[in-house]
Amino acid sequence: MDDAISSAVLAGRGDDAEIFGVVDLTSKIETRIGAITLGHAIQFVANATVLGYDVRGAMVLYGLPGTPSLRKWDCDRLWAQYGGALLQT
C-alpha cells in the first residue's frame, strides 16, 4: 500500500463507508454493513474473523465514485500500522 492511499485513508477516517462481502459464519448469509466510518470499517474488517465473520471477499467502499476500494489485506495493513489513530475523528 502506498503512502498516498495511507494518507488519504487517514484524512478520511471519519468519512462514511460501506462494507460488502462479509459473510456471517453462523447463518452463512452475506451481511452488508453500512453507516459506519472508514476507520471503524477498517477495524471491523481487520478483526472480523474473531467475531464470527468471513471477510476474505470483503470490500470497503468510501469516498467519491472511482476511489479504489479497500480489501481485507489493505485493512489488515492499515490497522496494524495505524490502529487507534483510525478511530480518532
N, C-alpha and C. Protein backbone atom coordinates (compact mmCIF):
# COMPACT_ATOMS: atom_id res chain seq x y z
N MET A 1 0.86 -1.17 0.00
CA MET A 1 0.00 0.00 0.00
C MET A 1 0.90 1.23 0.00
N ASP A 2 0.61 2.14 -0.90
CA ASP A 2 1.49 3.30 -1.00
C ASP A 2 1.09 4.39 -0.01
N ASP A 3 2.00 5.35 0.15
CA ASP A 3 1.79 6.42 1.12
C ASP A 3 0.60 7.31 0.77
N ALA A 4 0.32 7.48 -0.51
CA ALA A 4 -0.81 8.31 -0.92
C ALA A 4 -2.13 7.72 -0.44
N ILE A 5 -2.28 6.41 -0.58
CA ILE A 5 -3.51 5.75 -0.11
C ILE A 5 -3.60 5.83 1.40
N SER A 6 -2.49 5.55 2.09
CA SER A 6 -2.49 5.63 3.56
C SER A 6 -2.86 7.03 4.03
N SER A 7 -2.30 8.05 3.39
CA SER A 7 -2.61 9.43 3.76
C SER A 7 -4.07 9.76 3.50
N ALA A 8 -4.59 9.31 2.36
CA ALA A 8 -6.00 9.56 2.03
C ALA A 8 -6.92 8.88 3.04
N VAL A 9 -6.58 7.65 3.42
CA VAL A 9 -7.39 6.91 4.40
C VAL A 9 -7.36 7.62 5.75
N LEU A 10 -6.18 8.03 6.19
CA LEU A 10 -6.10 8.73 7.47
C LEU A 10 -6.88 10.04 7.43
N ALA A 11 -6.78 10.77 6.34
CA ALA A 11 -7.51 12.03 6.22
C ALA A 11 -9.02 11.80 6.20
N GLY A 12 -9.47 10.69 5.64
CA GLY A 12 -10.90 10.41 5.52
C GLY A 12 -11.43 9.41 6.51
N ARG A 13 -10.69 9.14 7.57
CA ARG A 13 -11.08 8.09 8.52
C ARG A 13 -12.45 8.31 9.17
N GLY A 14 -12.92 9.54 9.21
CA GLY A 14 -14.24 9.83 9.79
C GLY A 14 -15.35 9.87 8.76
N ASP A 15 -15.00 9.69 7.49
CA ASP A 15 -16.00 9.72 6.41
C ASP A 15 -16.83 8.44 6.41
N ASP A 16 -17.98 8.51 5.76
CA ASP A 16 -18.87 7.35 5.66
C ASP A 16 -18.25 6.26 4.79
N ALA A 17 -18.52 5.02 5.16
CA ALA A 17 -18.04 3.87 4.39
C ALA A 17 -19.09 2.77 4.45
N GLU A 18 -19.00 1.85 3.51
CA GLU A 18 -19.85 0.67 3.50
C GLU A 18 -18.95 -0.54 3.30
N ILE A 19 -19.36 -1.66 3.86
CA ILE A 19 -18.60 -2.90 3.72
C ILE A 19 -19.48 -3.92 3.02
N PHE A 20 -18.96 -4.48 1.95
CA PHE A 20 -19.64 -5.54 1.20
C PHE A 20 -18.79 -6.80 1.27
N GLY A 21 -19.43 -7.95 1.09
CA GLY A 21 -18.70 -9.21 1.03
C GLY A 21 -18.40 -9.84 2.38
N VAL A 22 -19.15 -9.46 3.40
CA VAL A 22 -18.98 -10.04 4.74
C VAL A 22 -20.01 -11.16 4.91
N VAL A 23 -19.55 -12.34 5.29
CA VAL A 23 -20.44 -13.48 5.48
C VAL A 23 -20.47 -13.86 6.95
N ASP A 24 -21.68 -13.89 7.50
CA ASP A 24 -21.88 -14.34 8.88
C ASP A 24 -21.72 -15.86 8.88
N LEU A 25 -20.74 -16.36 9.60
CA LEU A 25 -20.45 -17.80 9.58
C LEU A 25 -21.53 -18.63 10.27
N THR A 26 -22.31 -18.03 11.14
CA THR A 26 -23.39 -18.76 11.80
C THR A 26 -24.55 -19.01 10.84
N SER A 27 -24.98 -17.96 10.16
CA SER A 27 -26.14 -18.08 9.26
C SER A 27 -25.75 -18.38 7.82
N LYS A 28 -24.47 -18.20 7.49
CA LYS A 28 -23.96 -18.39 6.12
C LYS A 28 -24.59 -17.40 5.14
N ILE A 29 -24.98 -16.24 5.64
CA ILE A 29 -25.62 -15.21 4.82
C ILE A 29 -24.70 -14.01 4.73
N GLU A 30 -24.63 -13.43 3.51
CA GLU A 30 -23.84 -12.22 3.34
C GLU A 30 -24.52 -11.07 4.05
N THR A 31 -23.73 -10.31 4.79
CA THR A 31 -24.23 -9.20 5.57
C THR A 31 -23.61 -7.92 5.04
N ARG A 32 -24.43 -6.94 4.72
CA ARG A 32 -23.93 -5.65 4.27
C ARG A 32 -23.85 -4.73 5.48
N ILE A 33 -22.73 -4.08 5.64
CA ILE A 33 -22.54 -3.20 6.78
C ILE A 33 -22.34 -1.78 6.24
N GLY A 34 -23.28 -0.92 6.57
CA GLY A 34 -23.21 0.47 6.11
C GLY A 34 -23.32 1.40 7.29
N ALA A 35 -23.36 2.69 7.02
CA ALA A 35 -23.48 3.72 8.06
C ALA A 35 -22.40 3.54 9.13
N ILE A 36 -21.17 3.44 8.66
CA ILE A 36 -20.03 3.25 9.54
C ILE A 36 -18.92 4.16 9.03
N THR A 37 -18.08 4.66 9.93
CA THR A 37 -16.97 5.49 9.47
C THR A 37 -15.89 4.61 8.85
N LEU A 38 -15.07 5.22 8.03
CA LEU A 38 -14.00 4.48 7.37
C LEU A 38 -13.06 3.84 8.38
N GLY A 39 -12.69 4.55 9.42
CA GLY A 39 -11.81 3.99 10.45
C GLY A 39 -12.41 2.77 11.12
N HIS A 40 -13.70 2.85 11.46
CA HIS A 40 -14.37 1.71 12.08
C HIS A 40 -14.54 0.55 11.09
N ALA A 41 -14.74 0.87 9.82
CA ALA A 41 -14.85 -0.18 8.80
C ALA A 41 -13.54 -0.95 8.69
N ILE A 42 -12.43 -0.23 8.70
CA ILE A 42 -11.12 -0.89 8.63
C ILE A 42 -10.91 -1.75 9.86
N GLN A 43 -11.24 -1.23 11.03
CA GLN A 43 -11.12 -2.01 12.27
C GLN A 43 -11.97 -3.27 12.20
N PHE A 44 -13.21 -3.13 11.73
CA PHE A 44 -14.11 -4.27 11.66
C PHE A 44 -13.54 -5.35 10.76
N VAL A 45 -13.15 -4.98 9.55
CA VAL A 45 -12.65 -5.97 8.59
C VAL A 45 -11.37 -6.63 9.12
N ALA A 46 -10.49 -5.85 9.72
CA ALA A 46 -9.24 -6.40 10.24
C ALA A 46 -9.47 -7.39 11.37
N ASN A 47 -10.56 -7.23 12.11
CA ASN A 47 -10.80 -8.08 13.29
C ASN A 47 -12.04 -8.96 13.18
N ALA A 48 -12.68 -8.99 12.05
CA ALA A 48 -13.98 -9.67 11.90
C ALA A 48 -13.93 -11.17 12.10
N THR A 49 -12.82 -11.80 11.82
CA THR A 49 -12.78 -13.25 11.94
C THR A 49 -13.00 -13.71 13.39
N VAL A 50 -12.53 -12.93 14.36
CA VAL A 50 -12.76 -13.31 15.76
C VAL A 50 -14.20 -13.07 16.19
N LEU A 51 -14.95 -12.31 15.39
CA LEU A 51 -16.36 -12.05 15.67
C LEU A 51 -17.29 -13.01 14.95
N GLY A 52 -16.71 -13.95 14.19
CA GLY A 52 -17.53 -14.95 13.50
C GLY A 52 -17.94 -14.58 12.09
N TYR A 53 -17.13 -13.76 11.42
CA TYR A 53 -17.42 -13.37 10.05
C TYR A 53 -16.29 -13.82 9.13
N ASP A 54 -16.66 -14.15 7.91
CA ASP A 54 -15.69 -14.43 6.85
C ASP A 54 -15.59 -13.17 6.01
N VAL A 55 -14.42 -12.56 5.98
CA VAL A 55 -14.23 -11.31 5.26
C VAL A 55 -13.19 -11.45 4.14
N ARG A 56 -12.92 -12.67 3.72
CA ARG A 56 -11.92 -12.88 2.66
C ARG A 56 -12.29 -12.13 1.39
N GLY A 57 -13.57 -11.96 1.12
CA GLY A 57 -14.02 -11.26 -0.08
C GLY A 57 -14.53 -9.86 0.20
N ALA A 58 -14.26 -9.34 1.38
CA ALA A 58 -14.80 -8.03 1.77
C ALA A 58 -14.17 -6.89 1.00
N MET A 59 -14.99 -5.87 0.74
CA MET A 59 -14.54 -4.62 0.14
C MET A 59 -15.11 -3.47 0.95
N VAL A 60 -14.26 -2.52 1.27
CA VAL A 60 -14.70 -1.30 1.96
C VAL A 60 -14.76 -0.20 0.91
N LEU A 61 -15.97 0.34 0.71
CA LEU A 61 -16.18 1.43 -0.24
C LEU A 61 -16.30 2.73 0.53
N TYR A 62 -15.62 3.75 0.04
CA TYR A 62 -15.63 5.06 0.70
C TYR A 62 -15.26 6.12 -0.32
N GLY A 63 -15.47 7.35 0.04
CA GLY A 63 -15.05 8.46 -0.81
C GLY A 63 -15.91 8.63 -2.05
N LEU A 64 -15.40 9.40 -2.96
CA LEU A 64 -16.10 9.69 -4.21
C LEU A 64 -16.07 8.49 -5.13
N PRO A 65 -17.05 8.39 -6.03
CA PRO A 65 -17.02 7.30 -7.01
C PRO A 65 -15.66 7.28 -7.73
N GLY A 66 -15.12 6.11 -7.89
CA GLY A 66 -13.82 5.96 -8.51
C GLY A 66 -12.68 5.79 -7.53
N THR A 67 -12.95 6.07 -6.24
CA THR A 67 -11.93 5.84 -5.21
C THR A 67 -11.72 4.34 -5.09
N PRO A 68 -10.47 3.88 -5.12
CA PRO A 68 -10.24 2.43 -5.00
C PRO A 68 -10.79 1.89 -3.68
N SER A 69 -11.40 0.72 -3.74
CA SER A 69 -11.91 0.09 -2.53
C SER A 69 -10.76 -0.53 -1.75
N LEU A 70 -10.99 -0.76 -0.48
CA LEU A 70 -10.01 -1.44 0.36
C LEU A 70 -10.42 -2.90 0.51
N ARG A 71 -9.46 -3.79 0.41
CA ARG A 71 -9.71 -5.22 0.58
C ARG A 71 -9.22 -5.65 1.96
N LYS A 72 -9.43 -6.91 2.29
CA LYS A 72 -9.06 -7.45 3.60
C LYS A 72 -7.59 -7.16 3.92
N TRP A 73 -6.70 -7.46 2.98
CA TRP A 73 -5.27 -7.26 3.25
C TRP A 73 -4.93 -5.79 3.43
N ASP A 74 -5.63 -4.89 2.75
CA ASP A 74 -5.42 -3.46 2.95
C ASP A 74 -5.81 -3.07 4.37
N CYS A 75 -6.96 -3.55 4.81
CA CYS A 75 -7.45 -3.25 6.16
C CYS A 75 -6.51 -3.81 7.22
N ASP A 76 -6.01 -5.02 6.99
CA ASP A 76 -5.06 -5.61 7.95
C ASP A 76 -3.82 -4.73 8.09
N ARG A 77 -3.27 -4.30 6.96
CA ARG A 77 -2.06 -3.47 6.99
C ARG A 77 -2.32 -2.11 7.62
N LEU A 78 -3.44 -1.49 7.24
CA LEU A 78 -3.76 -0.18 7.81
C LEU A 78 -4.00 -0.27 9.31
N TRP A 79 -4.71 -1.29 9.75
CA TRP A 79 -4.99 -1.44 11.17
C TRP A 79 -3.70 -1.71 11.95
N ALA A 80 -2.84 -2.56 11.39
CA ALA A 80 -1.56 -2.87 12.05
C ALA A 80 -0.67 -1.62 12.14
N GLN A 81 -0.70 -0.80 11.11
CA GLN A 81 0.17 0.37 11.06
C GLN A 81 -0.37 1.55 11.88
N TYR A 82 -1.69 1.78 11.82
CA TYR A 82 -2.26 2.99 12.43
C TYR A 82 -3.17 2.72 13.62
N GLY A 83 -3.73 1.54 13.74
CA GLY A 83 -4.57 1.16 14.87
C GLY A 83 -5.55 2.23 15.30
N GLY A 84 -5.51 2.58 16.57
CA GLY A 84 -6.45 3.51 17.17
C GLY A 84 -6.51 4.87 16.52
N ALA A 85 -5.46 5.28 15.82
CA ALA A 85 -5.48 6.59 15.12
C ALA A 85 -6.58 6.62 14.08
N LEU A 86 -6.96 5.46 13.54
CA LEU A 86 -8.03 5.39 12.54
C LEU A 86 -9.39 5.68 13.17
N LEU A 87 -9.51 5.53 14.47
CA LEU A 87 -10.79 5.73 15.14
C LEU A 87 -10.97 7.16 15.65
N GLN A 88 -9.90 7.92 15.63
CA GLN A 88 -9.99 9.32 16.09
C GLN A 88 -10.50 10.19 14.96
N THR A 89 -11.47 11.03 15.28
CA THR A 89 -12.02 11.92 14.23
C THR A 89 -11.77 13.36 14.56
